Amino acid sequence: TVFFPYKQGKSAFVSMMDITDRIEREQQQAVVLQKTVEQKKIADILMDITFNLSSKTDQNDILDTILEQIEKVVPYSSANIMLHQGNNLVVVRHRDYDKFGAAEFMDKFSEKLALMGAAKTFIDSSHMQIIEDTNTYPGWKKFPETSYIQSILSIPIEWQGHVIGLLTLDSSKKAMFSWENAEKLKTIGHAVA
């Protein structure tokens, strides 16, 4: 507190406090709150997926629900679920490729895993993968129908310790996905299996 004369015969007391610590605490609380909200969102989505797994018998309905729910956690341009069948990687379900004129292509997609460069690497490594720029990534196999894809996030689908496929999110923008996105989806990837 400081005393300041400011007019003839009058004065004022000015009190100043350093609130830096308080601001830092409030910022930390905001971060914790945001993380809590995100975790609740993921828990709610997992609950929805679990409910659908127990209430629906049609595999396509279940996979559609999973792809729909994932978009609530990590926005994407298009997404698919591919399974490793024999020597091929086969799309068993997809979402939003129709917006890019690629739905028919994805309906019929089946490609030899050995020819799929990036996808083969993802399955062999059994780790989540991010491609920030498909144009510069070695091993990215380009198809005219999916040339809009600029970045991807791919999560292995595991069953009994083996990678049986991939859950892949596509974006028409470069560097759209982060490792934070990948961690959010990791739990959902296990639910798909």
N, C-alpha and C. Protein backbone atom coordinates (compact mmCIF):
# COMPACT_ATOMS: atom_id res chain seq x y z
N THR A 1 0.86 -1.18 0.00
CA THR A 1 0.00 0.00 0.00
C THR A 1 0.89 1.22 0.00
N VAL A 2 0.51 2.17 -0.86
CA VAL A 2 1.31 3.37 -1.02
C VAL A 2 0.38 4.58 -0.90
N PHE A 3 0.89 5.63 -0.24
CA PHE A 3 0.15 6.87 -0.08
C PHE A 3 0.59 7.85 -1.16
N PHE A 4 -0.41 8.40 -1.94
CA PHE A 4 -0.11 9.35 -3.00
C PHE A 4 -0.93 10.62 -2.80
N PRO A 5 -0.25 11.77 -2.70
CA PRO A 5 -1.03 13.01 -2.74
C PRO A 5 -1.41 13.27 -4.20
N TYR A 6 -2.70 13.60 -4.47
CA TYR A 6 -3.05 13.82 -5.86
C TYR A 6 -3.75 15.15 -6.09
N LYS A 7 -4.32 15.77 -5.11
CA LYS A 7 -4.90 17.10 -5.25
C LYS A 7 -4.54 17.90 -4.01
N GLN A 8 -4.67 19.16 -4.14
CA GLN A 8 -4.34 20.02 -3.03
C GLN A 8 -5.19 19.65 -1.82
N GLY A 9 -4.51 19.21 -0.81
CA GLY A 9 -5.17 18.86 0.43
C GLY A 9 -5.79 17.47 0.42
N LYS A 10 -5.70 16.75 -0.66
CA LYS A 10 -6.30 15.41 -0.71
C LYS A 10 -5.21 14.40 -1.10
N SER A 11 -5.45 13.18 -0.67
CA SER A 11 -4.50 12.13 -1.01
C SER A 11 -5.26 10.82 -1.22
N ALA A 12 -4.55 9.85 -1.75
CA ALA A 12 -5.18 8.55 -2.02
C ALA A 12 -4.21 7.45 -1.62
N PHE A 13 -4.79 6.37 -1.19
CA PHE A 13 -4.02 5.17 -0.92
C PHE A 13 -4.21 4.21 -2.08
N VAL A 14 -3.12 3.70 -2.59
CA VAL A 14 -3.18 2.74 -3.68
C VAL A 14 -2.58 1.44 -3.18
N SER A 15 -3.33 0.39 -3.36
CA SER A 15 -2.86 -0.92 -2.92
C SER A 15 -2.63 -1.78 -4.16
N MET A 16 -1.46 -2.42 -4.23
CA MET A 16 -1.14 -3.26 -5.38
C MET A 16 -0.71 -4.63 -4.87
N MET A 17 -1.14 -5.65 -5.62
CA MET A 17 -0.76 -7.02 -5.28
C MET A 17 -0.22 -7.71 -6.51
N ASP A 18 0.73 -8.56 -6.30
CA ASP A 18 1.23 -9.40 -7.40
C ASP A 18 0.32 -10.63 -7.48
N ILE A 19 -0.43 -10.75 -8.59
CA ILE A 19 -1.36 -11.88 -8.74
C ILE A 19 -0.85 -12.92 -9.74
N THR A 20 0.43 -12.87 -10.01
CA THR A 20 1.02 -13.80 -10.97
C THR A 20 0.78 -15.25 -10.56
N ASP A 21 0.99 -15.56 -9.27
CA ASP A 21 0.77 -16.94 -8.80
C ASP A 21 -0.68 -17.36 -8.99
N ARG A 22 -1.58 -16.45 -8.69
CA ARG A 22 -3.02 -16.77 -8.83
C ARG A 22 -3.37 -17.05 -10.29
N ILE A 23 -2.84 -16.24 -11.20
CA ILE A 23 -3.10 -16.44 -12.64
C ILE A 23 -2.54 -17.78 -13.09
N GLU A 24 -1.32 -18.11 -12.65
CA GLU A 24 -0.73 -19.40 -13.01
C GLU A 24 -1.57 -20.56 -12.49
N ARG A 25 -2.06 -20.46 -11.24
CA ARG A 25 -2.92 -21.51 -10.67
C ARG A 25 -4.20 -21.65 -11.48
N GLU A 26 -4.80 -20.54 -11.86
CA GLU A 26 -6.04 -20.58 -12.65
C GLU A 26 -5.79 -21.20 -14.03
N GLN A 27 -4.64 -20.90 -14.64
CA GLN A 27 -4.31 -21.49 -15.93
C GLN A 27 -4.11 -23.00 -15.79
N GLN A 28 -3.44 -23.42 -14.73
CA GLN A 28 -3.25 -24.85 -14.49
C GLN A 28 -4.59 -25.55 -14.26
N GLN A 29 -5.48 -24.90 -13.52
CA GLN A 29 -6.80 -25.47 -13.27
C GLN A 29 -7.59 -25.59 -14.58
N ALA A 30 -7.43 -24.62 -15.46
CA ALA A 30 -8.13 -24.67 -16.75
C ALA A 30 -7.63 -25.84 -17.59
N VAL A 31 -6.33 -26.10 -17.55
CA VAL A 31 -5.75 -27.22 -18.28
C VAL A 31 -6.28 -28.54 -17.72
N VAL A 32 -6.29 -28.67 -16.40
CA VAL A 32 -6.81 -29.88 -15.77
C VAL A 32 -8.28 -30.08 -16.11
N LEU A 33 -9.05 -29.01 -16.08
CA LEU A 33 -10.47 -29.09 -16.42
C LEU A 33 -10.66 -29.54 -17.86
N GLN A 34 -9.87 -28.98 -18.78
CA GLN A 34 -9.96 -29.36 -20.19
C GLN A 34 -9.65 -30.84 -20.39
N LYS A 35 -8.61 -31.32 -19.70
CA LYS A 35 -8.25 -32.74 -19.80
C LYS A 35 -9.36 -33.61 -19.23
N THR A 36 -9.96 -33.18 -18.15
CA THR A 36 -11.06 -33.93 -17.54
C THR A 36 -12.24 -34.01 -18.49
N VAL A 37 -12.56 -32.90 -19.13
CA VAL A 37 -13.66 -32.87 -20.09
C VAL A 37 -13.37 -33.82 -21.25
N GLU A 38 -12.14 -33.81 -21.77
CA GLU A 38 -11.75 -34.71 -22.86
C GLU A 38 -11.86 -36.17 -22.43
N GLN A 39 -11.38 -36.48 -21.22
CA GLN A 39 -11.45 -37.85 -20.74
C GLN A 39 -12.90 -38.31 -20.58
N LYS A 40 -13.76 -37.42 -20.11
CA LYS A 40 -15.18 -37.77 -19.97
C LYS A 40 -15.80 -38.01 -21.34
N LYS A 41 -15.42 -37.19 -22.30
CA LYS A 41 -15.94 -37.35 -23.66
C LYS A 41 -15.55 -38.72 -24.22
N ILE A 42 -14.29 -39.09 -24.03
CA ILE A 42 -13.83 -40.39 -24.50
C ILE A 42 -14.54 -41.52 -23.76
N ALA A 43 -14.71 -41.36 -22.45
CA ALA A 43 -15.42 -42.38 -21.66
C ALA A 43 -16.86 -42.53 -22.15
N ASP A 44 -17.52 -41.41 -22.44
CA ASP A 44 -18.90 -41.46 -22.96
C ASP A 44 -18.95 -42.17 -24.31
N ILE A 45 -17.98 -41.89 -25.15
CA ILE A 45 -17.95 -42.53 -26.47
C ILE A 45 -17.70 -44.03 -26.33
N LEU A 46 -16.80 -44.39 -25.43
CA LEU A 46 -16.55 -45.82 -25.20
C LEU A 46 -17.80 -46.51 -24.66
N MET A 47 -18.55 -45.79 -23.82
CA MET A 47 -19.80 -46.35 -23.30
C MET A 47 -20.80 -46.55 -24.44
N ASP A 48 -20.89 -45.57 -25.35
CA ASP A 48 -21.77 -45.70 -26.51
C ASP A 48 -21.35 -46.89 -27.38
N ILE A 49 -20.05 -47.02 -27.60
CA ILE A 49 -19.55 -48.13 -28.42
C ILE A 49 -19.87 -49.46 -27.74
N THR A 50 -19.63 -49.53 -26.44
CA THR A 50 -19.92 -50.76 -25.69
C THR A 50 -21.40 -51.09 -25.76
N PHE A 51 -22.25 -50.08 -25.59
CA PHE A 51 -23.69 -50.30 -25.69
C PHE A 51 -24.05 -50.85 -27.08
N ASN A 52 -23.47 -50.25 -28.11
CA ASN A 52 -23.75 -50.71 -29.47
C ASN A 52 -23.24 -52.11 -29.73
N LEU A 53 -22.08 -52.44 -29.14
CA LEU A 53 -21.56 -53.79 -29.29
C LEU A 53 -22.50 -54.82 -28.66
N SER A 54 -23.13 -54.42 -27.56
CA SER A 54 -24.00 -55.37 -26.87
C SER A 54 -25.43 -55.36 -27.40
N SER A 55 -25.83 -54.27 -28.05
CA SER A 55 -27.23 -54.19 -28.49
C SER A 55 -27.42 -54.45 -29.98
N LYS A 56 -26.35 -54.35 -30.74
CA LYS A 56 -26.46 -54.56 -32.19
C LYS A 56 -25.79 -55.87 -32.57
N THR A 57 -26.35 -56.52 -33.54
CA THR A 57 -25.74 -57.78 -33.99
C THR A 57 -25.12 -57.64 -35.37
N ASP A 58 -25.48 -56.61 -36.10
CA ASP A 58 -24.95 -56.43 -37.44
C ASP A 58 -23.58 -55.76 -37.36
N GLN A 59 -22.56 -56.43 -37.88
CA GLN A 59 -21.19 -55.92 -37.83
C GLN A 59 -21.09 -54.54 -38.47
N ASN A 60 -21.75 -54.31 -39.60
CA ASN A 60 -21.67 -53.02 -40.27
C ASN A 60 -22.24 -51.90 -39.41
N ASP A 61 -23.34 -52.16 -38.72
CA ASP A 61 -23.91 -51.16 -37.81
C ASP A 61 -22.93 -50.80 -36.70
N ILE A 62 -22.28 -51.81 -36.17
CA ILE A 62 -21.32 -51.59 -35.09
C ILE A 62 -20.13 -50.76 -35.59
N LEU A 63 -19.59 -51.13 -36.74
CA LEU A 63 -18.43 -50.40 -37.28
C LEU A 63 -18.80 -48.99 -37.69
N ASP A 64 -20.01 -48.80 -38.24
CA ASP A 64 -20.48 -47.45 -38.57
C ASP A 64 -20.55 -46.58 -37.32
N THR A 65 -21.05 -47.15 -36.24
CA THR A 65 -21.16 -46.42 -34.98
C THR A 65 -19.78 -46.03 -34.47
N ILE A 66 -18.84 -46.95 -34.56
CA ILE A 66 -17.48 -46.66 -34.10
C ILE A 66 -16.89 -45.50 -34.91
N LEU A 67 -17.01 -45.55 -36.22
CA LEU A 67 -16.46 -44.48 -37.06
C LEU A 67 -17.16 -43.14 -36.78
N GLU A 68 -18.44 -43.20 -36.54
CA GLU A 68 -19.21 -41.99 -36.22
C GLU A 68 -18.77 -41.40 -34.88
N GLN A 69 -18.60 -42.25 -33.89
CA GLN A 69 -18.21 -41.78 -32.55
C GLN A 69 -16.79 -41.23 -32.53
N ILE A 70 -15.91 -41.83 -33.30
CA ILE A 70 -14.51 -41.38 -33.34
C ILE A 70 -14.43 -39.93 -33.81
N GLU A 71 -15.28 -39.57 -34.75
CA GLU A 71 -15.23 -38.20 -35.29
C GLU A 71 -15.53 -37.16 -34.21
N LYS A 72 -16.22 -37.57 -33.15
CA LYS A 72 -16.50 -36.66 -32.03
C LYS A 72 -15.26 -36.39 -31.21
N VAL A 73 -14.29 -37.30 -31.27
CA VAL A 73 -13.04 -37.14 -30.52
C VAL A 73 -11.97 -36.48 -31.37
N VAL A 74 -11.82 -36.97 -32.61
CA VAL A 74 -10.81 -36.43 -33.53
C VAL A 74 -11.49 -36.19 -34.88
N PRO A 75 -11.72 -34.95 -35.23
CA PRO A 75 -12.34 -34.66 -36.54
C PRO A 75 -11.48 -35.17 -37.69
N TYR A 76 -12.12 -35.66 -38.73
CA TYR A 76 -11.42 -36.18 -39.90
C TYR A 76 -12.20 -35.87 -41.16
N SER A 77 -11.55 -36.02 -42.30
CA SER A 77 -12.23 -35.85 -43.59
C SER A 77 -12.92 -37.14 -44.00
N SER A 78 -12.23 -38.26 -43.79
CA SER A 78 -12.78 -39.59 -44.07
C SER A 78 -12.05 -40.58 -43.17
N ALA A 79 -12.64 -41.76 -43.01
CA ALA A 79 -12.05 -42.77 -42.13
C ALA A 79 -12.42 -44.16 -42.62
N ASN A 80 -11.58 -45.13 -42.27
CA ASN A 80 -11.90 -46.50 -42.66
C ASN A 80 -11.34 -47.49 -41.66
N ILE A 81 -11.89 -48.69 -41.75
CA ILE A 81 -11.39 -49.83 -40.99
C ILE A 81 -11.00 -50.88 -42.02
N MET A 82 -9.72 -51.25 -41.99
CA MET A 82 -9.19 -52.27 -42.90
C MET A 82 -8.79 -53.48 -42.08
N LEU A 83 -9.05 -54.66 -42.63
CA LEU A 83 -8.61 -55.88 -41.98
C LEU A 83 -7.64 -56.63 -42.88
N HIS A 84 -6.71 -57.29 -42.25
CA HIS A 84 -5.72 -58.11 -42.94
C HIS A 84 -6.37 -59.47 -43.18
N GLN A 85 -6.69 -59.75 -44.43
CA GLN A 85 -7.34 -61.00 -44.80
C GLN A 85 -6.47 -61.72 -45.80
N GLY A 86 -5.88 -62.85 -45.36
CA GLY A 86 -4.94 -63.56 -46.23
C GLY A 86 -3.73 -62.68 -46.48
N ASN A 87 -3.43 -62.45 -47.76
CA ASN A 87 -2.31 -61.57 -48.13
C ASN A 87 -2.77 -60.15 -48.41
N ASN A 88 -4.06 -59.89 -48.27
CA ASN A 88 -4.61 -58.60 -48.64
C ASN A 88 -5.02 -57.76 -47.44
N LEU A 89 -5.09 -56.47 -47.69
CA LEU A 89 -5.67 -55.53 -46.75
C LEU A 89 -7.00 -55.10 -47.38
N VAL A 90 -8.10 -55.32 -46.66
CA VAL A 90 -9.44 -55.13 -47.21
C VAL A 90 -10.20 -54.11 -46.37
N VAL A 91 -10.80 -53.12 -47.02
CA VAL A 91 -11.64 -52.16 -46.31
C VAL A 91 -12.96 -52.87 -45.98
N VAL A 92 -13.26 -52.94 -44.68
CA VAL A 92 -14.51 -53.57 -44.28
C VAL A 92 -15.59 -52.55 -43.95
N ARG A 93 -15.17 -51.31 -43.67
CA ARG A 93 -16.14 -50.24 -43.44
C ARG A 93 -15.44 -48.91 -43.63
N HIS A 94 -16.18 -47.93 -44.10
CA HIS A 94 -15.61 -46.60 -44.29
C HIS A 94 -16.69 -45.55 -44.09
N ARG A 95 -16.22 -44.30 -43.94
CA ARG A 95 -17.15 -43.19 -43.70
C ARG A 95 -16.62 -41.93 -44.39
N ASP A 96 -17.52 -41.22 -45.01
CA ASP A 96 -17.29 -39.89 -45.61
C ASP A 96 -16.44 -39.87 -46.88
N TYR A 97 -16.15 -41.00 -47.46
CA TYR A 97 -15.45 -41.02 -48.75
C TYR A 97 -16.37 -40.54 -49.87
N ASP A 98 -17.68 -40.65 -49.64
CA ASP A 98 -18.64 -40.18 -50.64
C ASP A 98 -18.50 -38.67 -50.88
N LYS A 99 -18.07 -37.93 -49.88
CA LYS A 99 -17.88 -36.49 -50.02
C LYS A 99 -16.79 -36.15 -51.03
N PHE A 100 -15.93 -37.13 -51.31
CA PHE A 100 -14.81 -36.91 -52.22
C PHE A 100 -14.92 -37.78 -53.47
N GLY A 101 -16.07 -38.40 -53.64
CA GLY A 101 -16.29 -39.25 -54.81
C GLY A 101 -15.52 -40.56 -54.77
N ALA A 102 -15.15 -41.01 -53.58
CA ALA A 102 -14.32 -42.21 -53.47
C ALA A 102 -15.03 -43.38 -52.77
N ALA A 103 -16.32 -43.27 -52.52
CA ALA A 103 -17.04 -44.33 -51.79
C ALA A 103 -17.02 -45.65 -52.55
N GLU A 104 -17.28 -45.60 -53.84
CA GLU A 104 -17.31 -46.83 -54.63
C GLU A 104 -15.93 -47.50 -54.64
N PHE A 105 -14.89 -46.69 -54.76
CA PHE A 105 -13.52 -47.21 -54.72
C PHE A 105 -13.26 -47.92 -53.38
N MET A 106 -13.67 -47.29 -52.28
CA MET A 106 -13.45 -47.89 -50.97
C MET A 106 -14.31 -49.12 -50.75
N ASP A 107 -15.51 -49.14 -51.33
CA ASP A 107 -16.38 -50.33 -51.22
C ASP A 107 -15.69 -51.57 -51.75
N LYS A 108 -14.86 -51.40 -52.76
CA LYS A 108 -14.22 -52.52 -53.44
C LYS A 108 -12.74 -52.67 -53.09
N PHE A 109 -12.24 -51.84 -52.17
CA PHE A 109 -10.80 -51.81 -51.93
C PHE A 109 -10.29 -53.10 -51.30
N SER A 110 -9.35 -53.71 -51.98
CA SER A 110 -8.61 -54.88 -51.51
C SER A 110 -7.27 -54.84 -52.23
N GLU A 111 -6.21 -54.79 -51.47
CA GLU A 111 -4.88 -54.65 -52.07
C GLU A 111 -3.90 -55.57 -51.34
N LYS A 112 -2.98 -56.11 -52.08
CA LYS A 112 -1.94 -56.95 -51.46
C LYS A 112 -1.18 -56.12 -50.43
N LEU A 113 -1.10 -56.65 -49.23
CA LEU A 113 -0.43 -55.93 -48.14
C LEU A 113 1.02 -55.61 -48.51
N ALA A 114 1.69 -56.53 -49.18
CA ALA A 114 3.08 -56.32 -49.56
C ALA A 114 3.26 -55.10 -50.46
N LEU A 115 2.21 -54.69 -51.16
CA LEU A 115 2.28 -53.55 -52.07
C LEU A 115 1.84 -52.24 -51.42
N MET A 116 1.44 -52.33 -50.16
CA MET A 116 0.85 -51.17 -49.50
C MET A 116 1.83 -50.35 -48.67
N GLY A 117 3.11 -50.49 -48.89
CA GLY A 117 4.14 -49.66 -48.27
C GLY A 117 3.85 -49.20 -46.85
N ALA A 118 3.23 -48.04 -46.72
CA ALA A 118 2.98 -47.44 -45.41
C ALA A 118 2.11 -48.35 -44.55
N ALA A 119 1.02 -48.88 -45.09
CA ALA A 119 0.13 -49.74 -44.32
C ALA A 119 0.85 -50.99 -43.83
N LYS A 120 1.69 -51.56 -44.68
CA LYS A 120 2.47 -52.75 -44.28
C LYS A 120 3.39 -52.39 -43.12
N THR A 121 4.04 -51.25 -43.21
CA THR A 121 4.92 -50.79 -42.13
C THR A 121 4.13 -50.63 -40.84
N PHE A 122 2.92 -50.04 -40.93
CA PHE A 122 2.10 -49.82 -39.75
C PHE A 122 1.72 -51.14 -39.10
N ILE A 123 1.31 -52.11 -39.91
CA ILE A 123 0.91 -53.41 -39.37
C ILE A 123 2.11 -54.14 -38.79
N ASP A 124 3.23 -54.12 -39.50
CA ASP A 124 4.44 -54.80 -39.01
C ASP A 124 4.94 -54.19 -37.70
N SER A 125 4.82 -52.88 -37.54
CA SER A 125 5.34 -52.22 -36.33
C SER A 125 4.36 -52.33 -35.17
N SER A 126 3.09 -52.50 -35.45
CA SER A 126 2.00 -52.54 -34.46
C SER A 126 1.98 -51.31 -33.56
N HIS A 127 2.37 -50.18 -34.12
CA HIS A 127 2.32 -48.91 -33.38
C HIS A 127 1.42 -47.93 -34.13
N MET A 128 0.87 -46.98 -33.38
CA MET A 128 0.12 -45.90 -34.01
C MET A 128 1.07 -45.13 -34.91
N GLN A 129 0.55 -44.65 -36.02
CA GLN A 129 1.38 -43.92 -36.97
C GLN A 129 0.67 -42.66 -37.44
N ILE A 130 1.45 -41.64 -37.68
CA ILE A 130 0.93 -40.39 -38.26
C ILE A 130 1.77 -40.07 -39.49
N ILE A 131 1.08 -39.78 -40.56
CA ILE A 131 1.76 -39.24 -41.75
C ILE A 131 1.28 -37.81 -41.87
N GLU A 132 2.20 -36.86 -41.70
CA GLU A 132 1.83 -35.45 -41.74
C GLU A 132 1.63 -34.93 -43.15
N ASP A 133 2.34 -35.54 -44.10
CA ASP A 133 2.23 -35.12 -45.50
C ASP A 133 2.39 -36.35 -46.39
N THR A 134 1.28 -36.83 -46.94
CA THR A 134 1.33 -38.04 -47.76
C THR A 134 2.12 -37.82 -49.05
N ASN A 135 2.26 -36.58 -49.48
CA ASN A 135 3.00 -36.29 -50.71
C ASN A 135 4.50 -36.50 -50.56
N THR A 136 5.00 -36.42 -49.34
CA THR A 136 6.44 -36.55 -49.13
C THR A 136 6.81 -37.82 -48.37
N TYR A 137 5.81 -38.58 -47.96
CA TYR A 137 6.09 -39.78 -47.17
C TYR A 137 6.49 -40.94 -48.07
N PRO A 138 7.68 -41.50 -47.86
CA PRO A 138 8.10 -42.63 -48.69
C PRO A 138 7.23 -43.85 -48.37
N GLY A 139 6.77 -44.51 -49.38
CA GLY A 139 5.96 -45.70 -49.17
C GLY A 139 4.47 -45.45 -49.21
N TRP A 140 4.07 -44.17 -49.28
CA TRP A 140 2.64 -43.88 -49.38
C TRP A 140 2.17 -44.25 -50.78
N LYS A 141 1.22 -45.15 -50.86
CA LYS A 141 0.72 -45.58 -52.16
C LYS A 141 -0.44 -44.67 -52.55
N LYS A 142 -0.27 -44.00 -53.68
CA LYS A 142 -1.27 -43.05 -54.15
C LYS A 142 -2.29 -43.74 -55.06
N PHE A 143 -3.53 -43.39 -54.86
CA PHE A 143 -4.62 -43.82 -55.73
C PHE A 143 -5.33 -42.55 -56.19
N PRO A 144 -5.70 -42.43 -57.44
CA PRO A 144 -6.37 -41.22 -57.92
C PRO A 144 -7.63 -40.89 -57.11
N GLU A 145 -8.35 -41.91 -56.70
CA GLU A 145 -9.62 -41.70 -55.99
C GLU A 145 -9.42 -41.08 -54.61
N THR A 146 -8.26 -41.30 -54.02
CA THR A 146 -8.01 -40.77 -52.68
C THR A 146 -6.88 -39.74 -52.67
N SER A 147 -6.68 -39.08 -53.79
CA SER A 147 -5.59 -38.10 -53.89
C SER A 147 -5.82 -36.88 -52.98
N TYR A 148 -7.02 -36.69 -52.49
CA TYR A 148 -7.31 -35.57 -51.57
C TYR A 148 -6.66 -35.78 -50.20
N ILE A 149 -6.29 -37.01 -49.87
CA ILE A 149 -5.74 -37.31 -48.55
C ILE A 149 -4.34 -36.70 -48.44
N GLN A 150 -4.17 -35.80 -47.48
CA GLN A 150 -2.90 -35.12 -47.26
C GLN A 150 -2.19 -35.57 -45.99
N SER A 151 -2.96 -36.07 -45.02
CA SER A 151 -2.36 -36.59 -43.79
C SER A 151 -3.27 -37.68 -43.23
N ILE A 152 -2.65 -38.58 -42.44
CA ILE A 152 -3.43 -39.67 -41.84
C ILE A 152 -2.97 -39.96 -40.43
N LEU A 153 -3.86 -40.58 -39.70
CA LEU A 153 -3.57 -41.14 -38.38
C LEU A 153 -4.06 -42.58 -38.45
N SER A 154 -3.17 -43.53 -38.20
CA SER A 154 -3.53 -44.94 -38.31
C SER A 154 -3.22 -45.65 -37.00
N ILE A 155 -4.22 -46.41 -36.53
CA ILE A 155 -4.10 -47.13 -35.27
C ILE A 155 -4.27 -48.61 -35.53
N PRO A 156 -3.35 -49.44 -35.03
CA PRO A 156 -3.50 -50.87 -35.25
C PRO A 156 -4.70 -51.43 -34.48
N ILE A 157 -5.37 -52.37 -35.10
CA ILE A 157 -6.44 -53.10 -34.43
C ILE A 157 -5.84 -54.45 -34.05
N GLU A 158 -5.80 -54.70 -32.75
CA GLU A 158 -5.16 -55.92 -32.27
C GLU A 158 -6.19 -56.89 -31.72
N TRP A 159 -5.92 -58.16 -31.95
CA TRP A 159 -6.76 -59.23 -31.42
C TRP A 159 -5.84 -60.35 -30.95
N GLN A 160 -5.90 -60.66 -29.67
CA GLN A 160 -5.09 -61.71 -29.07
C GLN A 160 -3.60 -61.54 -29.39
N GLY A 161 -3.13 -60.30 -29.27
CA GLY A 161 -1.71 -60.01 -29.44
C GLY A 161 -1.23 -59.87 -30.87
N HIS A 162 -2.13 -59.96 -31.84
CA HIS A 162 -1.75 -59.83 -33.25
C HIS A 162 -2.49 -58.66 -33.88
N VAL A 163 -1.80 -57.94 -34.76
CA VAL A 163 -2.44 -56.86 -35.50
C VAL A 163 -3.25 -57.48 -36.62
N ILE A 164 -4.57 -57.22 -36.58
CA ILE A 164 -5.46 -57.81 -37.59
C ILE A 164 -5.95 -56.76 -38.59
N GLY A 165 -5.62 -55.51 -38.34
CA GLY A 165 -6.06 -54.47 -39.26
C GLY A 165 -5.68 -53.09 -38.78
N LEU A 166 -6.26 -52.10 -39.43
CA LEU A 166 -5.96 -50.70 -39.13
C LEU A 166 -7.25 -49.88 -39.09
N LEU A 167 -7.29 -48.98 -38.14
CA LEU A 167 -8.31 -47.93 -38.10
C LEU A 167 -7.59 -46.68 -38.57
N THR A 168 -8.01 -46.12 -39.70
CA THR A 168 -7.28 -45.00 -40.29
C THR A 168 -8.18 -43.80 -40.49
N LEU A 169 -7.71 -42.66 -40.00
CA LEU A 169 -8.40 -41.38 -40.21
C LEU A 169 -7.61 -40.61 -41.26
N ASP A 170 -8.33 -40.02 -42.20
CA ASP A 170 -7.71 -39.25 -43.28
C ASP A 170 -8.09 -37.78 -43.13
N SER A 171 -7.21 -36.92 -43.59
CA SER A 171 -7.53 -35.49 -43.64
C SER A 171 -7.12 -34.91 -44.99
N SER A 172 -7.91 -33.98 -45.46
CA SER A 172 -7.58 -33.29 -46.70
C SER A 172 -6.59 -32.14 -46.44
N LYS A 173 -6.17 -32.00 -45.17
CA LYS A 173 -5.19 -30.98 -44.79
C LYS A 173 -3.92 -31.65 -44.29
N LYS A 174 -2.79 -31.04 -44.58
CA LYS A 174 -1.51 -31.56 -44.10
C LYS A 174 -1.40 -31.35 -42.59
N ALA A 175 -0.67 -32.25 -41.95
CA ALA A 175 -0.35 -32.15 -40.51
C ALA A 175 -1.60 -31.92 -39.65
N MET A 176 -2.68 -32.60 -39.97
CA MET A 176 -3.94 -32.41 -39.25
C MET A 176 -3.96 -33.16 -37.91
N PHE A 177 -3.20 -34.25 -37.80
CA PHE A 177 -3.29 -35.10 -36.62
C PHE A 177 -2.04 -34.97 -35.74
N SER A 178 -2.25 -35.21 -34.44
CA SER A 178 -1.15 -35.11 -33.48
C SER A 178 -1.06 -36.40 -32.67
N TRP A 179 0.01 -36.54 -31.91
CA TRP A 179 0.16 -37.70 -31.04
C TRP A 179 -0.87 -37.66 -29.92
N GLU A 180 -1.29 -36.47 -29.57
CA GLU A 180 -2.37 -36.36 -28.58
C GLU A 180 -3.65 -36.99 -29.14
N ASN A 181 -3.95 -36.72 -30.43
CA ASN A 181 -5.09 -37.37 -31.09
C ASN A 181 -4.95 -38.88 -31.04
N ALA A 182 -3.75 -39.35 -31.33
CA ALA A 182 -3.49 -40.79 -31.38
C ALA A 182 -3.75 -41.43 -30.03
N GLU A 183 -3.29 -40.79 -28.97
CA GLU A 183 -3.50 -41.34 -27.63
C GLU A 183 -4.99 -41.41 -27.29
N LYS A 184 -5.74 -40.41 -27.71
CA LYS A 184 -7.19 -40.43 -27.47
C LYS A 184 -7.85 -41.63 -28.14
N LEU A 185 -7.36 -41.96 -29.32
CA LEU A 185 -7.98 -43.04 -30.09
C LEU A 185 -7.48 -44.43 -29.75
N LYS A 186 -6.39 -44.48 -29.03
CA LYS A 186 -5.80 -45.78 -28.70
C LYS A 186 -6.82 -46.70 -28.02
N THR A 187 -7.53 -46.18 -27.04
CA THR A 187 -8.53 -46.97 -26.31
C THR A 187 -9.65 -47.40 -27.22
N ILE A 188 -10.07 -46.51 -28.11
CA ILE A 188 -11.15 -46.84 -29.04
C ILE A 188 -10.69 -47.92 -30.03
N GLY A 189 -9.42 -47.87 -30.41
CA GLY A 189 -8.88 -48.90 -31.30
C GLY A 189 -9.01 -50.28 -30.69
N HIS A 190 -8.81 -50.37 -29.38
CA HIS A 190 -8.96 -51.65 -28.69
C HIS A 190 -10.43 -52.09 -28.67
N ALA A 191 -11.33 -51.13 -28.58
CA ALA A 191 -12.76 -51.46 -28.58
C ALA A 191 -13.19 -52.02 -29.93
N VAL A 192 -12.56 -51.54 -31.01
CA VAL A 192 -12.91 -52.03 -32.35
C VAL A 192 -12.63 -53.53 -32.44
N ALA A 193 -11.50 -53.96 -31.87
CA ALA A 193 -11.15 -55.38 -31.92
C ALA A 193 -12.15 -56.18 -31.13
